[in-house]
Amino acid sequence: MKTGIHPDYVECKVHCSCGNEFTTRSTVPSLRVELCSECRPFFTGKQKLVDTGGRVERFNRRLEKQAGAAGAAAKGTKKATKVTKAVPAEKATAEA
């Protein structure tokens, strides 16, 4: 291995968004994470909704808006009818 090209492997303090902090080793001295072993549902067995930047709220507002628009559109318009094109039947008697 070449010397001088590898980063230093130092103690790293990890800060989770749930408030948990722990120490590990990494090439950077500090890490900020959204999920850790204390708050991840797979490890805890509890279902927890992690909302980053209001994404869930934004999705729910958009869903309600679409449902409201679809309901208003259904009341104000007539039911659409399907238009089909007639396909001519083959004339077996003409070929004979």
Protein backbone atom coordinates (compact mmCIF):
# COMPACT_ATOMS: atom_id res chain seq x y z
CA MET A 1 0.00 0.00 0.00
CA LYS A 2 1.16 3.52 -0.72
CA THR A 3 1.83 5.72 2.27
CA GLY A 4 0.27 9.14 2.66
CA ILE A 5 -2.77 8.60 0.38
CA HIS A 6 -5.21 7.14 2.94
CA PRO A 7 -7.34 9.40 5.17
CA ASP A 8 -6.92 9.33 8.95
CA TYR A 9 -9.23 6.94 10.79
CA VAL A 10 -10.31 8.96 13.84
CA GLU A 11 -12.94 8.83 16.58
CA CYS A 12 -16.25 10.15 15.28
CA LYS A 13 -19.17 11.57 17.26
CA VAL A 14 -22.52 10.70 15.62
CA HIS A 15 -25.56 12.94 16.28
CA CYS A 16 -29.02 11.58 15.38
CA SER A 17 -32.12 13.72 14.78
CA CYS A 18 -33.84 11.89 17.67
CA GLY A 19 -31.21 13.29 20.06
CA ASN A 20 -29.16 10.13 20.46
CA GLU A 21 -25.38 10.57 20.37
CA PHE A 22 -22.72 7.89 20.23
CA THR A 23 -19.07 7.50 19.33
CA THR A 24 -17.61 5.34 16.59
CA ARG A 25 -14.65 5.55 14.23
CA SER A 26 -14.66 7.13 10.78
CA THR A 27 -12.59 9.30 8.47
CA VAL A 28 -14.58 12.38 9.55
CA PRO A 29 -14.70 13.72 13.13
CA SER A 30 -18.50 14.35 13.25
CA LEU A 31 -21.60 12.91 11.53
CA ARG A 32 -25.27 13.99 11.58
CA VAL A 33 -27.81 11.27 10.72
CA GLU A 34 -31.62 11.10 10.49
CA LEU A 35 -32.04 7.55 11.81
CA CYS A 36 -30.01 5.49 14.25
CA SER A 37 -30.40 2.14 16.00
CA GLU A 38 -32.40 3.82 18.79
CA CYS A 39 -35.11 5.30 16.57
CA ARG A 40 -35.23 3.04 13.49
CA PRO A 41 -38.45 0.97 13.52
CA PHE A 42 -36.67 -2.20 12.40
CA PHE A 43 -34.52 -2.23 15.55
CA THR A 44 -37.07 -0.82 18.02
CA GLY A 45 -40.12 -2.79 16.88
CA LYS A 46 -42.21 0.40 17.03
CA GLN A 47 -43.72 2.12 14.03
CA LYS A 48 -42.60 5.73 13.98
CA LEU A 49 -43.34 8.20 11.21
CA VAL A 50 -40.23 10.20 10.40
CA ASP A 51 -41.23 13.45 8.73
CA THR A 52 -38.29 15.19 7.09
CA GLY A 53 -39.05 18.75 6.16
CA GLY A 54 -42.86 18.35 6.24
CA ARG A 55 -42.98 15.89 3.34
CA VAL A 56 -45.82 13.85 4.82
CA GLU A 57 -47.90 16.96 5.51
CA ARG A 58 -47.22 18.25 2.00
CA PHE A 59 -48.28 14.89 0.53
CA ASN A 60 -51.51 14.84 2.58
CA ARG A 61 -52.39 18.40 1.47
CA ARG A 62 -51.77 17.48 -2.17
CA LEU A 63 -53.87 14.31 -1.80
CA GLU A 64 -56.78 16.26 -0.28
CA LYS A 65 -56.52 18.88 -3.02
CA GLN A 66 -56.65 16.20 -5.75
CA ALA A 67 -59.59 14.44 -4.08
CA GLY A 68 -61.47 17.75 -3.81
CA ALA A 69 -60.79 18.62 -7.46
CA ALA A 70 -61.84 15.17 -8.64
CA GLY A 71 -65.08 15.39 -6.64
CA ALA A 72 -65.91 18.82 -8.07
CA ALA A 73 -65.12 17.68 -11.60
CA ALA A 74 -67.37 14.63 -11.25
CA LYS A 75 -70.32 16.76 -10.10
CA GLY A 76 -69.98 19.37 -12.85
CA THR A 77 -69.56 17.14 -15.89
CA LYS A 78 -71.53 14.42 -17.55
CA LYS A 79 -70.31 10.88 -17.55
CA ALA A 80 -67.93 10.26 -20.42
CA THR A 81 -69.01 7.68 -22.96
CA LYS A 82 -66.57 5.40 -24.67
CA VAL A 83 -66.44 5.80 -28.44
CA THR A 84 -65.48 2.69 -30.34
CA LYS A 85 -64.66 2.35 -34.00
CA ALA A 86 -66.55 -0.32 -35.90
CA VAL A 87 -64.31 -2.93 -37.45
CA PRO A 88 -65.62 -4.26 -40.79
CA ALA A 89 -66.31 -7.99 -40.77
CA GLU A 90 -64.53 -10.14 -43.32
CA LYS A 91 -66.83 -11.36 -46.05
CA ALA A 92 -66.21 -15.05 -46.39
CA THR A 93 -68.86 -15.47 -49.08
CA ALA A 94 -67.29 -12.90 -51.40
CA GLU A 95 -64.03 -14.85 -51.53
CA ALA A 96 -65.69 -18.13 -52.45
